[in-house]
Amino acid sequence: MKSDIVEVETQFQLKFPPDYVEFMLEANGGEGTVGERNYLRLWKIEELIQDNEEYAVHDFAPGLILIGSDGGGTAYGYDFRNEIPKLVEVDFIGLDLDSPFYSTYKFSEFIEYLYNY
């Protein structure tokens, strides 16, 4: 599993935040309801390259690496345009990094946000 993460980081020329890597080493993605209202589909590490290419993320939002969705029109990903990447929530259509619905530096805060939102 660690080698898969290294492969994705090498392909994208980046380093995922340690808390996201730790989660992926334990769960490698996941899918289900978070809290009472939100649905979360975190893509498996081995799906990240293909899924980001399929959605042409680099063409529409350079610096963004999607890691999942709500199963509908909302995408979740890391904005790597700054030194410390932010986890952001954006619409799939437009992938507007300048006006995300939500952003945080910590993966655990993102999960808490979904749980409480």
Protein backbone atom coordinates (compact mmCIF):
# COMPACT_ATOMS: atom_id res chain seq x y z
CA MET A 1 0.00 0.00 0.00
CA LYS A 2 2.79 2.46 0.88
CA SER A 3 4.33 1.79 -2.52
CA ASP A 4 1.01 2.72 -4.18
CA ILE A 5 1.00 6.05 -2.33
CA VAL A 6 4.59 6.72 -3.37
CA GLU A 7 3.70 5.86 -6.97
CA VAL A 8 0.79 8.34 -6.99
CA GLU A 9 2.90 11.04 -5.32
CA THR A 10 5.64 10.48 -7.90
CA GLN A 11 3.18 10.59 -10.80
CA PHE A 12 1.64 13.85 -9.55
CA GLN A 13 4.99 15.23 -8.27
CA LEU A 14 3.65 16.04 -4.79
CA LYS A 15 3.49 14.81 -1.20
CA PHE A 16 0.13 14.15 0.43
CA PRO A 17 -0.31 15.43 3.99
CA PRO A 18 0.65 12.85 6.65
CA ASP A 19 -2.86 12.56 8.14
CA TYR A 20 -4.34 11.67 4.73
CA VAL A 21 -1.56 9.13 4.11
CA GLU A 22 -2.16 7.60 7.53
CA PHE A 23 -5.88 7.24 6.78
CA MET A 24 -5.22 5.71 3.38
CA LEU A 25 -2.75 3.21 4.86
CA GLU A 26 -5.48 2.11 7.29
CA ALA A 27 -8.57 2.21 5.06
CA ASN A 28 -7.53 2.87 1.44
CA GLY A 29 -10.61 4.91 0.67
CA GLY A 30 -14.12 4.22 1.76
CA GLU A 31 -17.72 5.01 1.09
CA GLY A 32 -20.76 5.73 3.18
CA THR A 33 -22.81 8.20 5.16
CA VAL A 34 -21.00 10.68 7.40
CA GLY A 35 -23.27 12.17 10.02
CA GLU A 36 -26.95 12.43 9.21
CA ARG A 37 -26.85 14.15 5.82
CA ASN A 38 -23.56 13.72 4.01
CA TYR A 39 -22.32 10.95 1.78
CA LEU A 40 -18.62 10.48 1.18
CA ARG A 41 -16.83 8.39 -1.40
CA LEU A 42 -13.06 8.48 -0.93
CA TRP A 43 -11.30 6.93 -3.88
CA LYS A 44 -8.77 4.15 -3.36
CA ILE A 45 -5.18 5.26 -3.77
CA GLU A 46 -4.76 3.10 -6.88
CA GLU A 47 -7.75 4.91 -8.50
CA LEU A 48 -6.49 8.47 -8.01
CA ILE A 49 -4.43 8.79 -11.19
CA GLN A 50 -7.11 7.34 -13.47
CA ASP A 51 -9.97 9.25 -11.85
CA ASN A 52 -8.14 12.59 -12.00
CA GLU A 53 -7.31 11.96 -15.66
CA GLU A 54 -10.90 10.91 -16.41
CA TYR A 55 -12.25 14.18 -14.99
CA ALA A 56 -9.45 16.18 -16.72
CA VAL A 57 -8.72 17.85 -13.38
CA HIS A 58 -5.32 19.16 -14.45
CA ASP A 59 -6.89 20.92 -17.46
CA PHE A 60 -9.68 22.59 -15.47
CA ALA A 61 -7.99 23.17 -12.10
CA PRO A 62 -4.18 22.93 -12.19
CA GLY A 63 -2.90 22.19 -8.71
CA LEU A 64 -5.99 20.25 -7.64
CA ILE A 65 -5.88 16.50 -7.01
CA LEU A 66 -9.29 15.00 -6.40
CA ILE A 67 -9.53 12.30 -3.73
CA GLY A 68 -13.27 11.66 -3.78
CA SER A 69 -16.80 13.00 -4.00
CA ASP A 70 -20.21 13.03 -2.42
CA GLY A 71 -21.38 10.59 -5.09
CA GLY A 72 -23.00 13.50 -6.93
CA GLY A 73 -21.92 16.97 -8.01
CA THR A 74 -19.45 17.76 -5.23
CA ALA A 75 -15.75 16.93 -5.45
CA TYR A 76 -13.22 16.72 -2.64
CA GLY A 77 -9.54 17.16 -3.23
CA TYR A 78 -6.26 18.74 -2.25
CA ASP A 79 -5.27 22.15 -3.56
CA PHE A 80 -1.50 21.94 -4.01
CA ARG A 81 -1.00 25.48 -5.32
CA ASN A 82 0.54 26.58 -2.01
CA GLU A 83 3.36 25.11 0.06
CA ILE A 84 0.90 23.47 2.46
CA PRO A 85 -1.95 21.77 0.57
CA LYS A 86 -5.54 22.47 1.58
CA LEU A 87 -8.34 19.93 1.43
CA VAL A 88 -11.20 21.61 -0.46
CA GLU A 89 -14.83 21.01 -1.37
CA VAL A 90 -15.79 22.25 -4.85
CA ASP A 91 -18.39 21.62 -7.55
CA PHE A 92 -17.34 19.04 -10.14
CA ILE A 93 -18.50 21.50 -12.79
CA GLY A 94 -16.05 24.36 -12.71
CA LEU A 95 -13.71 22.98 -10.02
CA ASP A 96 -13.36 26.55 -8.70
CA LEU A 97 -10.38 26.55 -6.35
CA ASP A 98 -10.64 30.28 -5.68
CA SER A 99 -14.07 29.94 -4.03
CA PRO A 100 -14.28 26.51 -2.39
CA PHE A 101 -17.33 25.71 -0.27
CA TYR A 102 -15.01 24.53 2.49
CA SER A 103 -11.27 24.18 3.02
CA THR A 104 -8.97 22.98 5.76
CA TYR A 105 -5.43 21.79 6.22
CA LYS A 106 -6.40 18.76 8.33
CA PHE A 107 -8.09 15.61 7.06
CA SER A 108 -9.72 14.98 10.46
CA GLU A 109 -11.31 18.47 10.41
CA PHE A 110 -12.74 17.71 6.99
CA ILE A 111 -14.40 14.54 8.30
CA GLU A 112 -15.72 16.49 11.31
CA TYR A 113 -17.10 19.14 8.97
CA LEU A 114 -18.99 16.51 6.97
CA TYR A 115 -20.25 14.88 10.14
CA ASN A 116 -21.55 18.13 11.63
CA TYR A 117 -22.68 19.95 8.47
